[in-house]
Amino acid sequence: HPVMEDWETGYMKKLAKIASSNNGRVLEVGYGMGISAKAIQSNGVKSHFIIECHPDVVSKCVQDFRGAIGQNRLHIISGFWEEATPLIADETFDGILFDTYPLTEEQIHANHFWFFKEAWRLLKPGGILTYYSDESTGFSDEHLAKLEEAKFTKKNIKYEIVNVNPPPDCEYWQEKTIVAPIVKK
């Protein structure tokens, strides 16, 4: 099953820009094709942490960013976010980009919901959460409720709509727009 495709490049760069807009310490959960990681690195952040669970993808990240890792600008944590983030102190990050692959049927189109409470804990006051939203024109009521359950307030929950052009045979996205969340603590 396809996980990520080239048509997402503009969208991933938008998410990277949102996550790194505070120019501080950024957490990226899920490496994918490295599109957002490259954008985050070029956005002048102070430090960049990536959590990635797939060993082959971890190896690819190390290969892609050997220089940044050696210069202490990028740190990679190998494992699932559910195991890694509890080891990180509260209010550590100025921005978070969450884009993981759903691992269960229950998580399809909603895997980010489980991360919201942890994102609240990990973000500094004023920190920004963004993620692959699986929505084309706005947040559903369920989506908003999950953010509010995690302590994010309506006035700090915003988004931009990004134009995309998936190919006709794309198995996971057919819309011409997708939401780029901008959720501030």
N, C-alpha and C. Protein backbone atom coordinates (compact mmCIF):
# COMPACT_ATOMS: atom_id res chain seq x y z
N HIS A 1 0.84 -1.18 0.00
CA HIS A 1 0.00 0.00 0.00
C HIS A 1 0.89 1.25 0.00
N PRO A 2 0.62 2.20 -0.88
CA PRO A 2 1.47 3.40 -0.94
C PRO A 2 1.39 4.22 0.34
N VAL A 3 2.52 4.76 0.74
CA VAL A 3 2.61 5.54 1.97
C VAL A 3 2.71 7.03 1.65
N MET A 4 3.50 7.36 0.65
CA MET A 4 3.74 8.76 0.31
C MET A 4 4.15 8.84 -1.15
N GLU A 5 3.75 9.93 -1.82
CA GLU A 5 4.09 10.09 -3.22
C GLU A 5 4.58 11.51 -3.48
N ASP A 6 5.25 11.70 -4.62
CA ASP A 6 5.85 12.99 -4.97
C ASP A 6 4.86 14.15 -5.03
N TRP A 7 3.59 13.89 -5.35
CA TRP A 7 2.62 14.98 -5.46
C TRP A 7 2.45 15.72 -4.14
N GLU A 8 2.87 15.12 -3.03
CA GLU A 8 2.75 15.73 -1.71
C GLU A 8 3.85 16.77 -1.42
N THR A 9 4.80 16.96 -2.31
CA THR A 9 5.95 17.83 -2.04
C THR A 9 5.55 19.23 -1.57
N GLY A 10 4.69 19.91 -2.29
CA GLY A 10 4.28 21.26 -1.89
C GLY A 10 3.58 21.28 -0.54
N TYR A 11 2.75 20.30 -0.30
CA TYR A 11 2.04 20.19 0.98
C TYR A 11 3.02 19.95 2.13
N MET A 12 3.97 19.04 1.93
CA MET A 12 4.94 18.75 2.99
C MET A 12 5.82 19.97 3.28
N LYS A 13 6.17 20.72 2.25
CA LYS A 13 6.95 21.95 2.47
C LYS A 13 6.13 22.96 3.27
N LYS A 14 4.83 23.04 3.02
CA LYS A 14 3.95 23.93 3.78
C LYS A 14 3.91 23.50 5.25
N LEU A 15 3.76 22.20 5.51
CA LEU A 15 3.75 21.71 6.89
C LEU A 15 5.08 22.01 7.57
N ALA A 16 6.18 21.84 6.86
CA ALA A 16 7.51 22.14 7.42
C ALA A 16 7.63 23.61 7.78
N LYS A 17 7.12 24.47 6.92
CA LYS A 17 7.16 25.91 7.19
C LYS A 17 6.35 26.26 8.44
N ILE A 18 5.20 25.63 8.58
CA ILE A 18 4.36 25.87 9.76
C ILE A 18 5.08 25.38 11.02
N ALA A 19 5.60 24.15 10.99
CA ALA A 19 6.26 23.56 12.16
C ALA A 19 7.49 24.34 12.58
N SER A 20 8.19 24.95 11.63
CA SER A 20 9.43 25.65 11.94
C SER A 20 9.25 27.17 12.02
N SER A 21 8.02 27.63 12.05
CA SER A 21 7.76 29.07 12.03
C SER A 21 8.25 29.80 13.27
N ASN A 22 8.44 29.10 14.38
CA ASN A 22 8.99 29.72 15.59
C ASN A 22 10.52 29.70 15.62
N ASN A 23 11.14 29.07 14.61
CA ASN A 23 12.61 29.01 14.46
C ASN A 23 13.35 28.43 15.64
N GLY A 24 12.74 27.56 16.38
CA GLY A 24 13.39 27.00 17.56
C GLY A 24 13.72 25.54 17.39
N ARG A 25 13.23 24.76 18.33
CA ARG A 25 13.44 23.31 18.36
C ARG A 25 12.20 22.64 17.78
N VAL A 26 12.40 21.80 16.74
CA VAL A 26 11.29 21.17 16.03
C VAL A 26 11.37 19.65 16.16
N LEU A 27 10.22 19.05 16.43
CA LEU A 27 10.08 17.60 16.44
C LEU A 27 9.29 17.20 15.20
N GLU A 28 9.83 16.26 14.46
CA GLU A 28 9.14 15.69 13.31
C GLU A 28 8.90 14.21 13.60
N VAL A 29 7.65 13.79 13.55
CA VAL A 29 7.31 12.40 13.83
C VAL A 29 6.93 11.75 12.51
N GLY A 30 7.81 10.89 12.02
CA GLY A 30 7.66 10.25 10.71
C GLY A 30 8.56 10.94 9.70
N TYR A 31 9.43 10.20 9.07
CA TYR A 31 10.38 10.76 8.10
C TYR A 31 9.86 10.70 6.67
N GLY A 32 9.15 9.63 6.32
CA GLY A 32 8.62 9.49 4.97
C GLY A 32 9.70 9.53 3.91
N MET A 33 9.53 10.41 2.94
CA MET A 33 10.50 10.57 1.86
C MET A 33 11.54 11.64 2.19
N GLY A 34 11.43 12.25 3.35
CA GLY A 34 12.40 13.26 3.76
C GLY A 34 12.12 14.65 3.20
N ILE A 35 10.98 14.83 2.56
CA ILE A 35 10.65 16.13 1.96
C ILE A 35 10.55 17.21 3.03
N SER A 36 9.78 16.94 4.07
CA SER A 36 9.61 17.95 5.12
C SER A 36 10.89 18.12 5.92
N ALA A 37 11.63 17.06 6.13
CA ALA A 37 12.90 17.16 6.87
C ALA A 37 13.86 18.10 6.16
N LYS A 38 13.96 17.96 4.84
CA LYS A 38 14.84 18.86 4.07
C LYS A 38 14.38 20.30 4.20
N ALA A 39 13.07 20.51 4.15
CA ALA A 39 12.54 21.87 4.28
C ALA A 39 12.79 22.43 5.68
N ILE A 40 12.58 21.63 6.70
CA ILE A 40 12.83 22.08 8.08
C ILE A 40 14.30 22.46 8.24
N GLN A 41 15.19 21.64 7.72
CA GLN A 41 16.62 21.94 7.82
C GLN A 41 16.98 23.25 7.13
N SER A 42 16.28 23.58 6.07
CA SER A 42 16.59 24.81 5.34
C SER A 42 15.88 26.04 5.92
N ASN A 43 15.02 25.83 6.93
CA ASN A 43 14.26 26.94 7.51
C ASN A 43 14.95 27.61 8.69
N GLY A 44 16.17 27.25 8.99
CA GLY A 44 16.94 27.92 10.03
C GLY A 44 16.53 27.61 11.46
N VAL A 45 16.03 26.40 11.71
CA VAL A 45 15.67 26.04 13.08
C VAL A 45 16.92 25.81 13.93
N LYS A 46 16.77 25.95 15.24
CA LYS A 46 17.91 25.75 16.15
C LYS A 46 18.28 24.28 16.25
N SER A 47 17.26 23.41 16.34
CA SER A 47 17.52 21.97 16.37
C SER A 47 16.30 21.24 15.84
N HIS A 48 16.53 20.04 15.36
CA HIS A 48 15.52 19.26 14.65
C HIS A 48 15.65 17.81 15.10
N PHE A 49 14.58 17.27 15.62
CA PHE A 49 14.53 15.89 16.08
C PHE A 49 13.52 15.13 15.22
N ILE A 50 13.88 13.92 14.80
CA ILE A 50 12.98 13.08 14.01
C ILE A 50 12.80 11.76 14.74
N ILE A 51 11.54 11.36 14.89
CA ILE A 51 11.22 10.02 15.40
C ILE A 51 10.73 9.20 14.22
N GLU A 52 11.36 8.07 13.97
CA GLU A 52 11.01 7.20 12.86
C GLU A 52 11.09 5.75 13.31
N CYS A 53 10.06 4.96 12.98
CA CYS A 53 10.02 3.58 13.47
C CYS A 53 10.58 2.55 12.50
N HIS A 54 10.60 2.82 11.22
CA HIS A 54 11.03 1.80 10.25
C HIS A 54 12.55 1.83 10.09
N PRO A 55 13.23 0.71 10.34
CA PRO A 55 14.69 0.69 10.30
C PRO A 55 15.29 1.10 8.94
N ASP A 56 14.65 0.72 7.84
CA ASP A 56 15.16 1.11 6.52
C ASP A 56 15.03 2.62 6.31
N VAL A 57 13.94 3.20 6.82
CA VAL A 57 13.73 4.64 6.68
C VAL A 57 14.69 5.39 7.60
N VAL A 58 14.96 4.85 8.78
CA VAL A 58 15.97 5.45 9.67
C VAL A 58 17.32 5.48 8.95
N SER A 59 17.69 4.38 8.31
CA SER A 59 18.96 4.32 7.57
C SER A 59 19.00 5.36 6.46
N LYS A 60 17.89 5.52 5.74
CA LYS A 60 17.81 6.51 4.67
C LYS A 60 17.97 7.91 5.23
N CYS A 61 17.34 8.20 6.38
CA CYS A 61 17.47 9.51 7.02
C CYS A 61 18.92 9.77 7.41
N VAL A 62 19.58 8.79 7.98
CA VAL A 62 20.99 8.94 8.37
C VAL A 62 21.84 9.21 7.14
N GLN A 63 21.57 8.49 6.07
CA GLN A 63 22.31 8.68 4.81
C GLN A 63 22.05 10.10 4.26
N ASP A 64 20.80 10.52 4.26
CA ASP A 64 20.43 11.84 3.72
C ASP A 64 20.99 13.00 4.53
N PHE A 65 21.10 12.80 5.85
CA PHE A 65 21.45 13.92 6.73
C PHE A 65 22.70 13.68 7.56
N ARG A 66 23.61 12.89 7.03
CA ARG A 66 24.86 12.60 7.75
C ARG A 66 25.55 13.88 8.21
N GLY A 67 25.62 14.88 7.35
CA GLY A 67 26.28 16.14 7.70
C GLY A 67 25.57 16.87 8.82
N ALA A 68 24.25 17.00 8.73
CA ALA A 68 23.47 17.70 9.76
C ALA A 68 23.54 16.95 11.10
N ILE A 69 23.55 15.63 11.05
CA ILE A 69 23.69 14.83 12.28
C ILE A 69 25.06 15.07 12.89
N GLY A 70 26.09 15.05 12.06
CA GLY A 70 27.45 15.29 12.53
C GLY A 70 27.65 16.68 13.10
N GLN A 71 26.90 17.65 12.60
CA GLN A 71 26.98 19.03 13.10
C GLN A 71 26.01 19.29 14.24
N ASN A 72 25.33 18.23 14.71
CA ASN A 72 24.40 18.32 15.84
C ASN A 72 23.17 19.19 15.54
N ARG A 73 22.82 19.31 14.23
CA ARG A 73 21.62 20.06 13.83
C ARG A 73 20.40 19.16 13.69
N LEU A 74 20.63 17.86 13.60
CA LEU A 74 19.54 16.90 13.46
C LEU A 74 19.82 15.69 14.33
N HIS A 75 18.78 15.24 15.00
CA HIS A 75 18.87 14.07 15.88
C HIS A 75 17.76 13.11 15.48
N ILE A 76 18.10 11.84 15.30
CA ILE A 76 17.08 10.87 14.94
C ILE A 76 16.89 9.88 16.08
N ILE A 77 15.63 9.63 16.39
CA ILE A 77 15.25 8.69 17.43
C ILE A 77 14.54 7.53 16.73
N SER A 78 15.09 6.34 16.85
CA SER A 78 14.54 5.17 16.19
C SER A 78 13.53 4.49 17.10
N GLY A 79 12.30 4.37 16.62
CA GLY A 79 11.25 3.71 17.38
C GLY A 79 9.90 4.33 17.12
N PHE A 80 8.90 3.79 17.78
CA PHE A 80 7.54 4.33 17.67
C PHE A 80 7.39 5.54 18.58
N TRP A 81 6.61 6.52 18.14
CA TRP A 81 6.45 7.74 18.95
C TRP A 81 5.88 7.42 20.32
N GLU A 82 5.01 6.42 20.40
CA GLU A 82 4.39 6.07 21.68
C GLU A 82 5.42 5.62 22.72
N GLU A 83 6.55 5.09 22.25
CA GLU A 83 7.62 4.66 23.14
C GLU A 83 8.66 5.76 23.36
N ALA A 84 8.88 6.59 22.36
CA ALA A 84 9.94 7.60 22.41
C ALA A 84 9.53 8.88 23.14
N THR A 85 8.34 9.39 22.87
CA THR A 85 7.99 10.70 23.43
C THR A 85 7.85 10.73 24.95
N PRO A 86 7.44 9.64 25.61
CA PRO A 86 7.40 9.72 27.08
C PRO A 86 8.76 9.99 27.73
N LEU A 87 9.84 9.78 26.99
CA LEU A 87 11.19 10.02 27.50
C LEU A 87 11.63 11.48 27.33
N ILE A 88 10.79 12.28 26.67
CA ILE A 88 11.11 13.68 26.39
C ILE A 88 10.38 14.57 27.39
N ALA A 89 11.07 15.57 27.91
CA ALA A 89 10.52 16.47 28.92
C ALA A 89 9.35 17.30 28.38
N ASP A 90 8.47 17.71 29.27
CA ASP A 90 7.38 18.62 28.93
C ASP A 90 7.94 19.91 28.33
N GLU A 91 7.15 20.51 27.44
CA GLU A 91 7.44 21.83 26.87
C GLU A 91 8.86 21.93 26.29
N THR A 92 9.21 20.96 25.48
CA THR A 92 10.54 20.90 24.86
C THR A 92 10.58 21.56 23.48
N PHE A 93 9.46 21.56 22.75
CA PHE A 93 9.50 21.93 21.33
C PHE A 93 8.71 23.21 21.02
N ASP A 94 9.26 23.96 20.04
CA ASP A 94 8.60 25.16 19.53
C ASP A 94 7.66 24.81 18.37
N GLY A 95 7.86 23.66 17.77
CA GLY A 95 7.02 23.21 16.68
C GLY A 95 7.08 21.71 16.53
N ILE A 96 5.96 21.15 16.09
CA ILE A 96 5.89 19.70 15.85
C ILE A 96 5.19 19.46 14.53
N LEU A 97 5.77 18.57 13.71
CA LEU A 97 5.14 18.09 12.49
C LEU A 97 4.93 16.59 12.66
N PHE A 98 3.67 16.17 12.63
CA PHE A 98 3.32 14.76 12.82
C PHE A 98 2.77 14.20 11.52
N ASP A 99 3.44 13.18 10.99
CA ASP A 99 2.97 12.54 9.76
C ASP A 99 3.43 11.08 9.77
N THR A 100 2.64 10.25 10.42
CA THR A 100 2.96 8.83 10.49
C THR A 100 1.95 8.03 9.68
N TYR A 101 2.28 6.80 9.44
CA TYR A 101 1.41 5.90 8.70
C TYR A 101 0.51 5.17 9.70
N PRO A 102 -0.79 5.10 9.45
CA PRO A 102 -1.67 4.36 10.37
C PRO A 102 -1.31 2.88 10.39
N LEU A 103 -1.21 2.33 11.58
CA LEU A 103 -0.79 0.94 11.72
C LEU A 103 -1.95 -0.02 11.99
N THR A 104 -3.15 0.53 12.25
CA THR A 104 -4.33 -0.29 12.49
C THR A 104 -5.50 0.27 11.67
N GLU A 105 -6.52 -0.55 11.47
CA GLU A 105 -7.73 -0.08 10.77
C GLU A 105 -8.33 1.12 11.49
N GLU A 106 -8.33 1.08 12.81
CA GLU A 106 -8.91 2.16 13.62
C GLU A 106 -8.20 3.50 13.38
N GLN A 107 -6.94 3.46 13.05
CA GLN A 107 -6.16 4.69 12.87
C GLN A 107 -6.28 5.31 11.48
N ILE A 108 -6.85 4.59 10.52
CA ILE A 108 -6.93 5.14 9.16
C ILE A 108 -7.75 6.43 9.19
N HIS A 109 -7.20 7.48 8.63
CA HIS A 109 -7.79 8.83 8.58
C HIS A 109 -7.92 9.47 9.95
N ALA A 110 -7.26 8.90 10.98
CA ALA A 110 -7.38 9.47 12.32
C ALA A 110 -6.16 9.21 13.18
N ASN A 111 -5.05 8.72 12.62
CA ASN A 111 -3.90 8.35 13.45
C ASN A 111 -3.32 9.53 14.20
N HIS A 112 -3.51 10.75 13.72
CA HIS A 112 -3.01 11.93 14.41
C HIS A 112 -3.80 12.22 15.69
N PHE A 113 -5.04 11.77 15.79
CA PHE A 113 -5.87 12.04 16.97
C PHE A 113 -5.19 11.54 18.26
N TRP A 114 -4.55 10.38 18.18
CA TRP A 114 -3.92 9.79 19.37
C TRP A 114 -2.70 10.60 19.83
N PHE A 115 -2.16 11.41 18.96
CA PHE A 115 -0.96 12.18 19.29
C PHE A 115 -1.27 13.54 19.92
N PHE A 116 -2.48 14.04 19.80
CA PHE A 116 -2.78 15.41 20.22
C PHE A 116 -2.44 15.70 21.68
N LYS A 117 -2.79 14.82 22.61
CA LYS A 117 -2.49 15.07 24.03
C LYS A 117 -0.98 15.11 24.27
N GLU A 118 -0.26 14.25 23.60
CA GLU A 118 1.20 14.23 23.74
C GLU A 118 1.81 15.49 23.12
N ALA A 119 1.25 15.94 22.02
CA ALA A 119 1.72 17.18 21.40
C ALA A 119 1.54 18.35 22.36
N TRP A 120 0.40 18.42 23.02
CA TRP A 120 0.15 19.50 23.99
C TRP A 120 1.23 19.48 25.07
N ARG A 121 1.55 18.30 25.56
CA ARG A 121 2.56 18.17 26.61
C ARG A 121 3.94 18.59 26.12
N LEU A 122 4.29 18.22 24.90
CA LEU A 122 5.63 18.45 24.38
C LEU A 122 5.87 19.88 23.90
N LEU A 123 4.80 20.59 23.54
CA LEU A 123 4.96 21.95 23.01
C LEU A 123 5.19 22.97 24.12
N LYS A 124 6.08 23.90 23.84
CA LYS A 124 6.24 25.07 24.71
C LYS A 124 5.00 25.95 24.53
N PRO A 125 4.70 26.83 25.50
CA PRO A 125 3.63 27.80 25.27
C PRO A 125 3.93 28.61 24.00
N GLY A 126 2.95 28.74 23.13
CA GLY A 126 3.15 29.41 21.85
C GLY A 126 3.65 28.48 20.75
N GLY A 127 3.96 27.22 21.11
CA GLY A 127 4.42 26.25 20.13
C GLY A 127 3.31 25.86 19.16
N ILE A 128 3.70 25.37 18.00
CA ILE A 128 2.75 25.08 16.93
C ILE A 128 2.82 23.61 16.52
N LEU A 129 1.65 22.99 16.44
CA LEU A 129 1.50 21.63 15.96
C LEU A 129 0.90 21.67 14.56
N THR A 130 1.46 20.88 13.65
CA THR A 130 0.86 20.66 12.34
C THR A 130 1.00 19.18 12.01
N TYR A 131 0.22 18.73 11.03
CA TYR A 131 0.21 17.30 10.74
C TYR A 131 -0.54 17.05 9.43
N TYR A 132 -0.31 15.87 8.86
CA TYR A 132 -1.09 15.42 7.71
C TYR A 132 -2.50 15.20 8.21
N SER A 133 -3.46 15.99 7.69
CA SER A 133 -4.78 16.04 8.32
C SER A 133 -5.83 15.09 7.77
N ASP A 134 -5.67 14.58 6.57
CA ASP A 134 -6.67 13.72 5.96
C ASP A 134 -8.01 14.40 5.74
N GLU A 135 -8.02 15.73 5.64
CA GLU A 135 -9.25 16.46 5.35
C GLU A 135 -8.97 17.48 4.25
N SER A 136 -9.94 17.70 3.39
CA SER A 136 -9.68 18.51 2.20
C SER A 136 -10.06 19.98 2.32
N THR A 137 -11.08 20.30 3.12
CA THR A 137 -11.56 21.70 3.14
C THR A 137 -11.77 22.28 4.53
N GLY A 138 -11.56 21.51 5.57
CA GLY A 138 -11.74 22.02 6.94
C GLY A 138 -11.76 20.86 7.91
N PHE A 139 -11.83 21.20 9.20
CA PHE A 139 -11.83 20.18 10.24
C PHE A 139 -13.24 19.66 10.50
N SER A 140 -13.37 18.36 10.67
CA SER A 140 -14.65 17.77 11.06
C SER A 140 -14.91 18.08 12.53
N ASP A 141 -16.15 17.90 12.95
CA ASP A 141 -16.50 18.11 14.36
C ASP A 141 -15.71 17.16 15.26
N GLU A 142 -15.54 15.92 14.82
CA GLU A 142 -14.77 14.95 15.60
C GLU A 142 -13.32 15.42 15.75
N HIS A 143 -12.75 15.91 14.67
CA HIS A 143 -11.38 16.40 14.68
C HIS A 143 -11.22 17.55 15.68
N LEU A 144 -12.10 18.53 15.62
CA LEU A 144 -12.06 19.65 16.57
C LEU A 144 -12.23 19.17 18.00
N ALA A 145 -13.13 18.24 18.22
CA ALA A 145 -13.35 17.71 19.57
C ALA A 145 -12.10 17.04 20.12
N LYS A 146 -11.38 16.30 19.27
CA LYS A 146 -10.14 15.64 19.70
C LYS A 146 -9.08 16.67 20.08
N LEU A 147 -8.97 17.75 19.31
CA LEU A 147 -8.02 18.82 19.65
C LEU A 147 -8.40 19.48 20.97
N GLU A 148 -9.67 19.74 21.16
CA GLU A 148 -10.12 20.37 22.40
C GLU A 148 -9.95 19.45 23.60
N GLU A 149 -10.15 18.15 23.42
CA GLU A 149 -9.91 17.18 24.50
C GLU A 149 -8.45 17.22 24.95
N ALA A 150 -7.56 17.55 24.02
CA ALA A 150 -6.12 17.62 24.31
C ALA A 150 -5.71 18.98 24.88
N LYS A 151 -6.68 19.88 25.11
CA LYS A 151 -6.49 21.20 25.72
C LYS A 151 -6.22 22.34 24.74
N PHE A 152 -6.20 22.06 23.43
CA PHE A 152 -6.08 23.15 22.47
C PHE A 152 -7.41 23.90 22.44
N THR A 153 -7.37 25.22 22.33
CA THR A 153 -8.59 26.02 22.34
C THR A 153 -8.98 26.44 20.92
N LYS A 154 -10.29 26.61 20.71
CA LYS A 154 -10.80 26.94 19.36
C LYS A 154 -10.11 28.15 18.76
N LYS A 155 -9.83 29.17 19.57
CA LYS A 155 -9.22 30.38 19.02
C LYS A 155 -7.81 30.13 18.50
N ASN A 156 -7.17 29.05 18.95
CA ASN A 156 -5.81 28.71 18.52
C ASN A 156 -5.75 27.55 17.53
N ILE A 157 -6.91 27.17 17.00
CA ILE A 157 -6.98 26.09 16.01
C ILE A 157 -7.32 26.71 14.66
N LYS A 158 -6.34 26.72 13.78
CA LYS A 158 -6.52 27.31 12.45
C LYS A 158 -5.98 26.35 11.40
N TYR A 159 -6.16 26.71 10.16
CA TYR A 159 -5.61 25.91 9.07
C TYR A 159 -5.52 26.74 7.81
N GLU A 160 -4.71 26.25 6.88
CA GLU A 160 -4.65 26.78 5.52
C GLU A 160 -5.05 25.64 4.59
N ILE A 161 -5.68 26.01 3.49
CA ILE A 161 -6.01 25.00 2.48
C ILE A 161 -4.94 25.05 1.41
N VAL A 162 -4.36 23.90 1.12
CA VAL A 162 -3.26 23.79 0.17
C VAL A 162 -3.76 23.07 -1.08
N ASN A 163 -3.49 23.64 -2.23
CA ASN A 163 -3.82 22.98 -3.49
C ASN A 163 -2.84 21.85 -3.76
N VAL A 164 -3.37 20.71 -4.18
CA VAL A 164 -2.55 19.55 -4.51
C VAL A 164 -3.05 18.95 -5.82
N ASN A 165 -2.21 18.12 -6.42
CA ASN A 165 -2.57 17.51 -7.69
C ASN A 165 -2.18 16.03 -7.71
N PRO A 166 -2.92 15.20 -6.95
CA PRO A 166 -2.59 13.77 -6.96
C PRO A 166 -2.95 13.15 -8.31
N PRO A 167 -2.20 12.14 -8.72
CA PRO A 167 -2.51 11.48 -10.00
C PRO A 167 -3.84 10.72 -9.88
N PRO A 168 -4.50 10.48 -10.99
CA PRO A 168 -5.79 9.78 -10.96
C PRO A 168 -5.73 8.40 -10.30
N ASP A 169 -4.57 7.75 -10.35
CA ASP A 169 -4.47 6.41 -9.76
C ASP A 169 -3.99 6.42 -8.31
N CYS A 170 -3.92 7.59 -7.68
CA CYS A 170 -3.51 7.66 -6.27
C CYS A 170 -4.53 6.90 -5.42
N GLU A 171 -4.05 5.99 -4.59
CA GLU A 171 -4.93 5.13 -3.80
C GLU A 171 -5.42 5.77 -2.51
N TYR A 172 -4.80 6.86 -2.06
CA TYR A 172 -5.17 7.39 -0.75
C TYR A 172 -5.63 8.84 -0.76
N TRP A 173 -5.56 9.54 -1.90
CA TRP A 173 -6.03 10.93 -1.94
C TRP A 173 -6.49 11.27 -3.34
N GLN A 174 -7.70 11.79 -3.45
CA GLN A 174 -8.25 12.16 -4.76
C GLN A 174 -8.68 13.62 -4.83
N GLU A 175 -8.69 14.32 -3.73
CA GLU A 175 -9.14 15.71 -3.70
C GLU A 175 -8.08 16.64 -4.29
N LYS A 176 -8.48 17.85 -4.63
CA LYS A 176 -7.56 18.85 -5.19
C LYS A 176 -7.04 19.82 -4.13
N THR A 177 -7.52 19.66 -2.90
CA THR A 177 -7.03 20.47 -1.77
C THR A 177 -6.85 19.57 -0.56
N ILE A 178 -6.05 20.06 0.39
CA ILE A 178 -5.84 19.36 1.66
C ILE A 178 -5.55 20.41 2.73
N VAL A 179 -6.00 20.14 3.93
CA VAL A 179 -5.86 21.08 5.03
C VAL A 179 -4.46 20.97 5.64
N ALA A 180 -3.84 22.14 5.88
CA ALA A 180 -2.57 22.22 6.62
C ALA A 180 -2.89 22.85 7.98
N PRO A 181 -2.96 22.04 9.03
CA PRO A 181 -3.32 22.54 10.36
C PRO A 181 -2.26 23.49 10.94
N ILE A 182 -2.73 24.48 11.67
CA ILE A 182 -1.88 25.41 12.41
C ILE A 182 -2.49 25.50 13.80
N VAL A 183 -2.03 24.64 14.71
CA VAL A 183 -2.63 24.51 16.02
C VAL A 183 -1.63 24.99 17.07
N LYS A 184 -1.97 26.08 17.73
CA LYS A 184 -1.04 26.73 18.66
C LYS A 184 -1.40 26.41 20.11
N LYS A 185 -0.37 26.15 20.90
CA LYS A 185 -0.58 25.93 22.33
C LYS A 185 -0.69 27.26 23.05
